[in-house]
Amino acid sequence: TGVPRQMIIRYEKGKIMPTVRAMNRLLEPLGYQ
């Protein structure tokens, strides 16, 4: 996705909430949107 791993970690720990665009970038390789 090109989303830095540190950002993914922060999203997953609930430190920050991803934007809709960022969330879709993370979901797309998983087959979701």
Full PDB file with SEQRES, HELIX, SHEET, SSBOND, CRYST1, ORIGX, SCALE, CONECT and MASTER records, all heavy atoms in Angstrom:
SEQRES   1 A   33  THR GLY VAL PRO ARG GLN MET ILE ILE ARG TYR GLU LYS          
SEQRES   2 A   33  GLY LYS ILE MET PRO THR VAL ARG ALA MET ASN ARG LEU          
SEQRES   3 A   33  LEU GLU PRO LEU GLY TYR GLN                                  
HELIX    1 AA1 ARG A    5  GLU A   12  1                                   8    
HELIX    2 AA2 VAL A   20  LEU A   27  1                                   8    
HELIX    3 AA3 GLU A   28  LEU A   30  5                                   3    
CRYST1    1.000    1.000    1.000  90.00  90.00  90.00 P 1           1          
ORIGX1      1.000000  0.000000  0.000000        0.00000                         
ORIGX2      0.000000  1.000000  0.000000        0.00000                         
ORIGX3      0.000000  0.000000  1.000000        0.00000                         
SCALE1      1.000000  0.000000  0.000000        0.00000                         
SCALE2      0.000000  1.000000  0.000000        0.00000                         
SCALE3      0.000000  0.000000  1.000000        0.00000                         
ATOM      1  N   THR A   1       0.797  -1.238   0.000  1.00  0.00           N  
ATOM      2  CA  THR A   1       0.000   0.000   0.000  1.00  0.00           C  
ATOM      3  C   THR A   1       0.823   1.278   0.000  1.00  0.00           C  
ATOM      4  O   THR A   1       0.313   2.330  -0.379  1.00  0.00           O  
ATOM      5  CB  THR A   1      -0.922   0.053   1.239  1.00  0.00           C  
ATOM      6  OG1 THR A   1      -0.109   0.102   2.425  1.00  0.00           O  
ATOM      7  CG2 THR A   1      -1.854  -1.142   1.292  1.00  0.00           C  
ATOM      8  N   GLY A   2       2.046   1.193   0.486  1.00  0.00           N  
ATOM      9  CA  GLY A   2       2.845   2.405   0.627  1.00  0.00           C  
ATOM     10  C   GLY A   2       2.553   3.155   1.923  1.00  0.00           C  
ATOM     11  O   GLY A   2       3.156   4.180   2.208  1.00  0.00           O  
ATOM     12  N   VAL A   3       1.623   2.632   2.732  1.00  0.00           N  
ATOM     13  CA  VAL A   3       1.332   3.239   4.039  1.00  0.00           C  
ATOM     14  C   VAL A   3       2.446   2.793   4.986  1.00  0.00           C  
ATOM     15  O   VAL A   3       2.669   1.589   5.149  1.00  0.00           O  
ATOM     16  CB  VAL A   3      -0.054   2.787   4.581  1.00  0.00           C  
ATOM     17  CG1 VAL A   3      -0.293   3.346   5.974  1.00  0.00           C  
ATOM     18  CG2 VAL A   3      -1.164   3.204   3.636  1.00  0.00           C  
ATOM     19  N   PRO A   4       3.171   3.742   5.580  1.00  0.00           N  
ATOM     20  CA  PRO A   4       4.279   3.366   6.467  1.00  0.00           C  
ATOM     21  C   PRO A   4       3.820   2.452   7.611  1.00  0.00           C  
ATOM     22  O   PRO A   4       2.739   2.627   8.171  1.00  0.00           O  
ATOM     23  CB  PRO A   4       4.774   4.706   7.011  1.00  0.00           C  
ATOM     24  CG  PRO A   4       4.310   5.720   6.016  1.00  0.00           C  
ATOM     25  CD  PRO A   4       3.017   5.190   5.466  1.00  0.00           C  
ATOM     26  N   ARG A   5       4.650   1.477   7.918  1.00  0.00           N  
ATOM     27  CA  ARG A   5       4.325   0.514   8.980  1.00  0.00           C  
ATOM     28  C   ARG A   5       4.033   1.202  10.303  1.00  0.00           C  
ATOM     29  O   ARG A   5       3.145   0.790  11.044  1.00  0.00           O  
ATOM     30  CB  ARG A   5       5.479  -0.484   9.141  1.00  0.00           C  
ATOM     31  CG  ARG A   5       5.161  -1.591  10.099  1.00  0.00           C  
ATOM     32  CD  ARG A   5       6.209  -2.715  10.028  1.00  0.00           C  
ATOM     33  NE  ARG A   5       6.047  -3.590  11.155  1.00  0.00           N  
ATOM     34  CZ  ARG A   5       6.714  -3.450  12.308  1.00  0.00           C  
ATOM     35  NH1 ARG A   5       7.600  -2.497  12.467  1.00  0.00           N  
ATOM     36  NH2 ARG A   5       6.501  -4.298  13.301  1.00  0.00           N  
ATOM     37  N   GLN A   6       4.765   2.269  10.607  1.00  0.00           N  
ATOM     38  CA  GLN A   6       4.519   2.987  11.861  1.00  0.00           C  
ATOM     39  C   GLN A   6       3.102   3.584  11.896  1.00  0.00           C  
ATOM     40  O   GLN A   6       2.476   3.627  12.955  1.00  0.00           O  
ATOM     41  CB  GLN A   6       5.577   4.077  12.084  1.00  0.00           C  
ATOM     42  CG  GLN A   6       6.932   3.529  12.444  1.00  0.00           C  
ATOM     43  CD  GLN A   6       6.894   2.653  13.690  1.00  0.00           C  
ATOM     44  OE1 GLN A   6       6.275   2.984  14.700  1.00  0.00           O  
ATOM     45  NE2 GLN A   6       7.542   1.502  13.620  1.00  0.00           N  
ATOM     46  N   MET A   7       2.598   4.017  10.748  1.00  0.00           N  
ATOM     47  CA  MET A   7       1.216   4.532  10.690  1.00  0.00           C  
ATOM     48  C   MET A   7       0.230   3.386  10.891  1.00  0.00           C  
ATOM     49  O   MET A   7      -0.767   3.534  11.605  1.00  0.00           O  
ATOM     50  CB  MET A   7       0.939   5.227   9.356  1.00  0.00           C  
ATOM     51  CG  MET A   7       1.622   6.556   9.204  1.00  0.00           C  
ATOM     52  SD  MET A   7       1.134   7.756  10.473  1.00  0.00           S  
ATOM     53  CE  MET A   7      -0.525   8.118   9.943  1.00  0.00           C  
ATOM     54  N   ILE A   8       0.506   2.242  10.262  1.00  0.00           N  
ATOM     55  CA  ILE A   8      -0.360   1.075  10.425  1.00  0.00           C  
ATOM     56  C   ILE A   8      -0.433   0.682  11.896  1.00  0.00           C  
ATOM     57  O   ILE A   8      -1.515   0.415  12.432  1.00  0.00           O  
ATOM     58  CB  ILE A   8       0.139  -0.105   9.556  1.00  0.00           C  
ATOM     59  CG1 ILE A   8       0.010   0.244   8.064  1.00  0.00           C  
ATOM     60  CG2 ILE A   8      -0.620  -1.390   9.890  1.00  0.00           C  
ATOM     61  CD1 ILE A   8       0.681  -0.739   7.118  1.00  0.00           C  
ATOM     62  N   ILE A   9       0.708   0.680  12.560  1.00  0.00           N  
ATOM     63  CA  ILE A   9       0.760   0.355  13.998  1.00  0.00           C  
ATOM     64  C   ILE A   9      -0.077   1.346  14.795  1.00  0.00           C  
ATOM     65  O   ILE A   9      -0.859   0.954  15.669  1.00  0.00           O  
ATOM     66  CB  ILE A   9       2.223   0.323  14.495  1.00  0.00           C  
ATOM     67  CG1 ILE A   9       2.952  -0.880  13.896  1.00  0.00           C  
ATOM     68  CG2 ILE A   9       2.285   0.308  16.016  1.00  0.00           C  
ATOM     69  CD1 ILE A   9       4.452  -0.865  14.091  1.00  0.00           C  
ATOM     70  N   ARG A  10       0.073   2.631  14.498  1.00  0.00           N  
ATOM     71  CA  ARG A  10      -0.689   3.657  15.234  1.00  0.00           C  
ATOM     72  C   ARG A  10      -2.190   3.504  14.997  1.00  0.00           C  
ATOM     73  O   ARG A  10      -2.976   3.656  15.920  1.00  0.00           O  
ATOM     74  CB  ARG A  10      -0.217   5.050  14.839  1.00  0.00           C  
ATOM     75  CG  ARG A  10       1.215   5.316  15.332  1.00  0.00           C  
ATOM     76  CD  ARG A  10       1.759   6.617  14.860  1.00  0.00           C  
ATOM     77  NE  ARG A  10       1.114   7.711  15.580  1.00  0.00           N  
ATOM     78  CZ  ARG A  10       1.163   8.979  15.207  1.00  0.00           C  
ATOM     79  NH1 ARG A  10       1.826   9.304  14.115  1.00  0.00           N  
ATOM     80  NH2 ARG A  10       0.557   9.901  15.906  1.00  0.00           N  
ATOM     81  N   TYR A  11      -2.593   3.186  13.762  1.00  0.00           N  
ATOM     82  CA  TYR A  11      -4.006   2.934  13.469  1.00  0.00           C  
ATOM     83  C   TYR A  11      -4.513   1.749  14.275  1.00  0.00           C  
ATOM     84  O   TYR A  11      -5.560   1.804  14.911  1.00  0.00           O  
ATOM     85  CB  TYR A  11      -4.227   2.628  11.979  1.00  0.00           C  
ATOM     86  CG  TYR A  11      -3.958   3.751  11.016  1.00  0.00           C  
ATOM     87  CD1 TYR A  11      -3.531   3.464   9.723  1.00  0.00           C  
ATOM     88  CD2 TYR A  11      -4.143   5.089  11.353  1.00  0.00           C  
ATOM     89  CE1 TYR A  11      -3.294   4.468   8.793  1.00  0.00           C  
ATOM     90  CE2 TYR A  11      -3.896   6.106  10.440  1.00  0.00           C  
ATOM     91  CZ  TYR A  11      -3.477   5.788   9.158  1.00  0.00           C  
ATOM     92  OH  TYR A  11      -3.250   6.784   8.248  1.00  0.00           O  
ATOM     93  N   GLU A  12      -3.760   0.651  14.237  1.00  0.00           N  
ATOM     94  CA  GLU A  12      -4.192  -0.579  14.885  1.00  0.00           C  
ATOM     95  C   GLU A  12      -4.233  -0.462  16.406  1.00  0.00           C  
ATOM     96  O   GLU A  12      -5.025  -1.143  17.050  1.00  0.00           O  
ATOM     97  CB  GLU A  12      -3.319  -1.751  14.456  1.00  0.00           C  
ATOM     98  CG  GLU A  12      -3.526  -2.125  13.003  1.00  0.00           C  
ATOM     99  CD  GLU A  12      -2.782  -3.373  12.574  1.00  0.00           C  
ATOM    100  OE1 GLU A  12      -2.122  -4.022  13.412  1.00  0.00           O  
ATOM    101  OE2 GLU A  12      -2.870  -3.712  11.375  1.00  0.00           O  
ATOM    102  N   LYS A  13      -3.394   0.379  16.970  1.00  0.00           N  
ATOM    103  CA  LYS A  13      -3.410   0.586  18.426  1.00  0.00           C  
ATOM    104  C   LYS A  13      -4.440   1.626  18.847  1.00  0.00           C  
ATOM    105  O   LYS A  13      -4.629   1.866  20.036  1.00  0.00           O  
ATOM    106  CB  LYS A  13      -2.027   1.006  18.920  1.00  0.00           C  
ATOM    107  CG  LYS A  13      -1.029  -0.125  18.891  1.00  0.00           C  
ATOM    108  CD  LYS A  13       0.281   0.290  19.504  1.00  0.00           C  
ATOM    109  CE  LYS A  13       1.204  -0.914  19.587  1.00  0.00           C  
ATOM    110  NZ  LYS A  13       2.440  -0.605  20.297  1.00  0.00           N  
ATOM    111  N   GLY A  14      -5.092   2.256  17.865  1.00  0.00           N  
ATOM    112  CA  GLY A  14      -6.097   3.258  18.190  1.00  0.00           C  
ATOM    113  C   GLY A  14      -5.519   4.603  18.578  1.00  0.00           C  
ATOM    114  O   GLY A  14      -6.217   5.447  19.127  1.00  0.00           O  
ATOM    115  N   LYS A  15      -4.244   4.804  18.287  1.00  0.00           N  
ATOM    116  CA  LYS A  15      -3.606   6.091  18.608  1.00  0.00           C  
ATOM    117  C   LYS A  15      -4.153   7.198  17.723  1.00  0.00           C  
ATOM    118  O   LYS A  15      -4.301   8.331  18.165  1.00  0.00           O  
ATOM    119  CB  LYS A  15      -2.082   5.999  18.444  1.00  0.00           C  
ATOM    120  CG  LYS A  15      -1.424   4.975  19.308  1.00  0.00           C  
ATOM    121  CD  LYS A  15      -1.436   5.383  20.752  1.00  0.00           C  
ATOM    122  CE  LYS A  15      -0.697   4.353  21.583  1.00  0.00           C  
ATOM    123  NZ  LYS A  15      -0.869   4.574  22.998  1.00  0.00           N  
ATOM    124  N   ILE A  16      -4.408   6.865  16.455  1.00  0.00           N  
ATOM    125  CA  ILE A  16      -5.023   7.810  15.530  1.00  0.00           C  
ATOM    126  C   ILE A  16      -6.029   7.049  14.669  1.00  0.00           C  
ATOM    127  O   ILE A  16      -5.917   5.832  14.485  1.00  0.00           O  
ATOM    128  CB  ILE A  16      -3.995   8.524  14.623  1.00  0.00           C  
ATOM    129  CG1 ILE A  16      -3.159   7.514  13.839  1.00  0.00           C  
ATOM    130  CG2 ILE A  16      -3.117   9.461  15.414  1.00  0.00           C  
ATOM    131  CD1 ILE A  16      -2.253   8.156  12.808  1.00  0.00           C  
ATOM    132  N   MET A  17      -7.002   7.775  14.141  1.00  0.00           N  
ATOM    133  CA  MET A  17      -8.012   7.169  13.282  1.00  0.00           C  
ATOM    134  C   MET A  17      -7.650   7.458  11.834  1.00  0.00           C  
ATOM    135  O   MET A  17      -7.423   8.614  11.472  1.00  0.00           O  
ATOM    136  CB  MET A  17      -9.388   7.757  13.618  1.00  0.00           C  
ATOM    137  CG  MET A  17     -10.526   7.114  12.880  1.00  0.00           C  
ATOM    138  SD  MET A  17     -10.655   5.386  13.321  1.00  0.00           S  
ATOM    139  CE  MET A  17     -11.812   4.851  12.107  1.00  0.00           C  
ATOM    140  N   PRO A  18      -7.578   6.405  11.005  1.00  0.00           N  
ATOM    141  CA  PRO A  18      -7.244   6.643   9.600  1.00  0.00           C  
ATOM    142  C   PRO A  18      -8.354   7.392   8.869  1.00  0.00           C  
ATOM    143  O   PRO A  18      -9.526   7.280   9.228  1.00  0.00           O  
ATOM    144  CB  PRO A  18      -7.071   5.230   9.024  1.00  0.00           C  
ATOM    145  CG  PRO A  18      -7.830   4.341   9.936  1.00  0.00           C  
ATOM    146  CD  PRO A  18      -7.808   4.995  11.285  1.00  0.00           C  
ATOM    147  N   THR A  19      -7.970   8.139   7.861  1.00  0.00           N  
ATOM    148  CA  THR A  19      -8.965   8.781   7.008  1.00  0.00           C  
ATOM    149  C   THR A  19      -9.660   7.688   6.191  1.00  0.00           C  
ATOM    150  O   THR A  19      -9.203   6.547   6.137  1.00  0.00           O  
ATOM    151  CB  THR A  19      -8.300   9.775   6.030  1.00  0.00           C  
ATOM    152  OG1 THR A  19      -7.418   9.029   5.165  1.00  0.00           O  
ATOM    153  CG2 THR A  19      -7.536  10.874   6.766  1.00  0.00           C  
ATOM    154  N   VAL A  20     -10.756   8.047   5.544  1.00  0.00           N  
ATOM    155  CA  VAL A  20     -11.452   7.096   4.685  1.00  0.00           C  
ATOM    156  C   VAL A  20     -10.509   6.613   3.586  1.00  0.00           C  
ATOM    157  O   VAL A  20     -10.430   5.417   3.296  1.00  0.00           O  
ATOM    158  CB  VAL A  20     -12.733   7.733   4.087  1.00  0.00           C  
ATOM    159  CG1 VAL A  20     -13.346   6.837   3.036  1.00  0.00           C  
ATOM    160  CG2 VAL A  20     -13.736   8.036   5.189  1.00  0.00           C  
ATOM    161  N   ARG A  21      -9.771   7.522   3.003  1.00  0.00           N  
ATOM    162  CA  ARG A  21      -8.824   7.167   1.940  1.00  0.00           C  
ATOM    163  C   ARG A  21      -7.773   6.176   2.455  1.00  0.00           C  
ATOM    164  O   ARG A  21      -7.485   5.165   1.808  1.00  0.00           O  
ATOM    165  CB  ARG A  21      -8.155   8.409   1.383  1.00  0.00           C  
ATOM    166  CG  ARG A  21      -7.130   8.080   0.281  1.00  0.00           C  
ATOM    167  CD  ARG A  21      -6.500   9.316  -0.296  1.00  0.00           C  
ATOM    168  NE  ARG A  21      -7.509   9.941  -1.155  1.00  0.00           N  
ATOM    169  CZ  ARG A  21      -7.450  11.170  -1.587  1.00  0.00           C  
ATOM    170  NH1 ARG A  21      -6.432  11.949  -1.252  1.00  0.00           N  
ATOM    171  NH2 ARG A  21      -8.384  11.662  -2.366  1.00  0.00           N  
ATOM    172  N   ALA A  22      -7.199   6.466   3.616  1.00  0.00           N  
ATOM    173  CA  ALA A  22      -6.176   5.579   4.178  1.00  0.00           C  
ATOM    174  C   ALA A  22      -6.764   4.212   4.519  1.00  0.00           C  
ATOM    175  O   ALA A  22      -6.140   3.177   4.262  1.00  0.00           O  
ATOM    176  CB  ALA A  22      -5.552   6.212   5.420  1.00  0.00           C  
ATOM    177  N   MET A  23      -7.969   4.205   5.083  1.00  0.00           N  
ATOM    178  CA  MET A  23      -8.607   2.933   5.434  1.00  0.00           C  
ATOM    179  C   MET A  23      -8.858   2.095   4.191  1.00  0.00           C  
ATOM    180  O   MET A  23      -8.611   0.881   4.179  1.00  0.00           O  
ATOM    181  CB  MET A  23      -9.916   3.207   6.177  1.00  0.00           C  
ATOM    182  CG  MET A  23     -10.483   2.004   6.900  1.00  0.00           C  
ATOM    183  SD  MET A  23      -9.506   1.595   8.360  1.00  0.00           S  
ATOM    184  CE  MET A  23      -9.146  -0.108   8.024  1.00  0.00           C  
ATOM    185  N   ASN A  24      -9.309   2.731   3.116  1.00  0.00           N  
ATOM    186  CA  ASN A  24      -9.534   1.997   1.873  1.00  0.00           C  
ATOM    187  C   ASN A  24      -8.223   1.478   1.284  1.00  0.00           C  
ATOM    188  O   ASN A  24      -8.194   0.393   0.708  1.00  0.00           O  
ATOM    189  CB  ASN A  24     -10.298   2.843   0.857  1.00  0.00           C  
ATOM    190  CG  ASN A  24     -11.792   2.753   1.069  1.00  0.00           C  
ATOM    191  OD1 ASN A  24     -12.328   1.712   1.434  1.00  0.00           O  
ATOM    192  ND2 ASN A  24     -12.476   3.851   0.842  1.00  0.00           N  
ATOM    193  N   ARG A  25      -7.138   2.236   1.443  1.00  0.00           N  
ATOM    194  CA  ARG A  25      -5.827   1.749   0.974  1.00  0.00           C  
ATOM    195  C   ARG A  25      -5.415   0.492   1.722  1.00  0.00           C  
ATOM    196  O   ARG A  25      -4.828  -0.419   1.139  1.00  0.00           O  
ATOM    197  CB  ARG A  25      -4.755   2.825   1.158  1.00  0.00           C  
ATOM    198  CG  ARG A  25      -4.838   3.926   0.117  1.00  0.00           C  
ATOM    199  CD  ARG A  25      -3.855   5.031   0.357  1.00  0.00           C  
ATOM    200  NE  ARG A  25      -2.460   4.600   0.203  1.00  0.00           N  
ATOM    201  CZ  ARG A  25      -1.429   5.336   0.546  1.00  0.00           C  
ATOM    202  NH1 ARG A  25      -1.614   6.532   1.075  1.00  0.00           N  
ATOM    203  NH2 ARG A  25      -0.201   4.900   0.375  1.00  0.00           N  
ATOM    204  N   LEU A  26      -5.729   0.439   3.012  1.00  0.00           N  
ATOM    205  CA  LEU A  26      -5.385  -0.737   3.813  1.00  0.00           C  
ATOM    206  C   LEU A  26      -6.313  -1.914   3.521  1.00  0.00           C  
ATOM    207  O   LEU A  26      -5.892  -3.074   3.565  1.00  0.00           O  
ATOM    208  CB  LEU A  26      -5.447  -0.391   5.309  1.00  0.00           C  
ATOM    209  CG  LEU A  26      -4.451   0.657   5.793  1.00  0.00           C  
ATOM    210  CD1 LEU A  26      -4.719   0.999   7.244  1.00  0.00           C  
ATOM    211  CD2 LEU A  26      -3.023   0.188   5.594  1.00  0.00           C  
ATOM    212  N   LEU A  27      -7.564  -1.633   3.236  1.00  0.00           N  
ATOM    213  CA  LEU A  27      -8.545  -2.692   2.999  1.00  0.00           C  
ATOM    214  C   LEU A  27      -8.455  -3.305   1.604  1.00  0.00           C  
ATOM    215  O   LEU A  27      -8.736  -4.492   1.424  1.00  0.00           O  
ATOM    216  CB  LEU A  27      -9.967  -2.158   3.218  1.00  0.00           C  
ATOM    217  CG  LEU A  27     -10.364  -1.888   4.669  1.00  0.00           C  
ATOM    218  CD1 LEU A  27     -11.683  -1.137   4.715  1.00  0.00           C  
ATOM    219  CD2 LEU A  27     -10.443  -3.185   5.452  1.00  0.00           C  
ATOM    220  N   GLU A  28      -8.065  -2.515   0.621  1.00  0.00           N  
ATOM    221  CA  GLU A  28      -8.063  -2.984  -0.769  1.00  0.00           C  
ATOM    222  C   GLU A  28      -7.271  -4.281  -0.970  1.00  0.00           C  
ATOM    223  O   GLU A  28      -7.782  -5.228  -1.587  1.00  0.00           O  
ATOM    224  CB  GLU A  28      -7.555  -1.891  -1.703  1.00  0.00           C  
ATOM    225  CG  GLU A  28      -7.686  -2.271  -3.166  1.00  0.00           C  
ATOM    226  CD  GLU A  28      -7.235  -1.153  -4.089  1.00  0.00           C  
ATOM    227  OE1 GLU A  28      -7.220   0.012  -3.680  1.00  0.00           O  
ATOM    228  OE2 GLU A  28      -6.894  -1.487  -5.227  1.00  0.00           O  
ATOM    229  N   PRO A  29      -6.035  -4.397  -0.466  1.00  0.00           N  
ATOM    230  CA  PRO A  29      -5.298  -5.652  -0.661  1.00  0.00           C  
ATOM    231  C   PRO A  29      -5.949  -6.852   0.041  1.00  0.00           C  
ATOM    232  O   PRO A  29      -5.660  -7.993  -0.274  1.00  0.00           O  
ATOM    233  CB  PRO A  29      -3.919  -5.378  -0.059  1.00  0.00           C  
ATOM    234  CG  PRO A  29      -3.844  -3.923   0.160  1.00  0.00           C  
ATOM    235  CD  PRO A  29      -5.234  -3.399   0.205  1.00  0.00           C  
ATOM    236  N   LEU A  30      -6.838  -6.558   0.995  1.00  0.00           N  
ATOM    237  CA  LEU A  30      -7.541  -7.622   1.712  1.00  0.00           C  
ATOM    238  C   LEU A  30      -8.833  -8.014   0.995  1.00  0.00           C  
ATOM    239  O   LEU A  30      -9.539  -8.919   1.411  1.00  0.00           O  
ATOM    240  CB  LEU A  30      -7.859  -7.172   3.148  1.00  0.00           C  
ATOM    241  CG  LEU A  30      -6.674  -6.642   3.971  1.00  0.00           C  
ATOM    242  CD1 LEU A  30      -7.148  -6.177   5.337  1.00  0.00           C  
ATOM    243  CD2 LEU A  30      -5.586  -7.692   4.103  1.00  0.00           C  
ATOM    244  N   GLY A  31      -9.148  -7.259  -0.080  1.00  0.00           N  
ATOM    245  CA  GLY A  31     -10.355  -7.544  -0.851  1.00  0.00           C  
ATOM    246  C   GLY A  31     -11.600  -6.861  -0.330  1.00  0.00           C  
ATOM    247  O   GLY A  31     -12.714  -7.301  -0.610  1.00  0.00           O  
ATOM    248  N   TYR A  32     -11.426  -5.773   0.401  1.00  0.00           N  
ATOM    249  CA  TYR A  32     -12.559  -5.046   0.986  1.00  0.00           C  
ATOM    250  C   TYR A  32     -12.429  -3.554   0.715  1.00  0.00           C  
ATOM    251  O   TYR A  32     -11.371  -3.061   0.331  1.00  0.00           O  
ATOM    252  CB  TYR A  32     -12.616  -5.265   2.504  1.00  0.00           C  
ATOM    253  CG  TYR A  32     -13.021  -6.663   2.883  1.00  0.00           C  
ATOM    254  CD1 TYR A  32     -12.074  -7.678   2.973  1.00  0.00           C  
ATOM    255  CD2 TYR A  32     -14.347  -6.974   3.140  1.00  0.00           C  
ATOM    256  CE1 TYR A  32     -12.443  -8.976   3.299  1.00  0.00           C  
ATOM    257  CE2 TYR A  32     -14.723  -8.260   3.475  1.00  0.00           C  
ATOM    258  CZ  TYR A  32     -13.767  -9.252   3.554  1.00  0.00           C  
ATOM    259  OH  TYR A  32     -14.134 -10.529   3.883  1.00  0.00           O  
ATOM    260  N   GLN A  33     -13.527  -2.839   0.959  1.00  0.00           N  
ATOM    261  CA  GLN A  33     -13.539  -1.381   0.926  1.00  0.00           C  
ATOM    262  C   GLN A  33     -14.614  -0.889   1.878  1.00  0.00           C  
ATOM    263  O   GLN A  33     -15.519  -1.634   2.237  1.00  0.00           O  
ATOM    264  CB  GLN A  33     -13.808  -0.860  -0.481  1.00  0.00           C  
ATOM    265  CG  GLN A  33     -15.207  -1.147  -0.989  1.00  0.00           C  
ATOM    266  CD  GLN A  33     -15.422  -0.601  -2.386  1.00  0.00           C  
ATOM    267  OE1 GLN A  33     -14.497  -0.187  -3.059  1.00  0.00           O  
ATOM    268  NE2 GLN A  33     -16.663  -0.611  -2.821  1.00  0.00           N  
TER     269      GLN A  33                                                      
MASTER        0    0    0    3    0    0    0    6  268    1    0    3          
END                                                                             
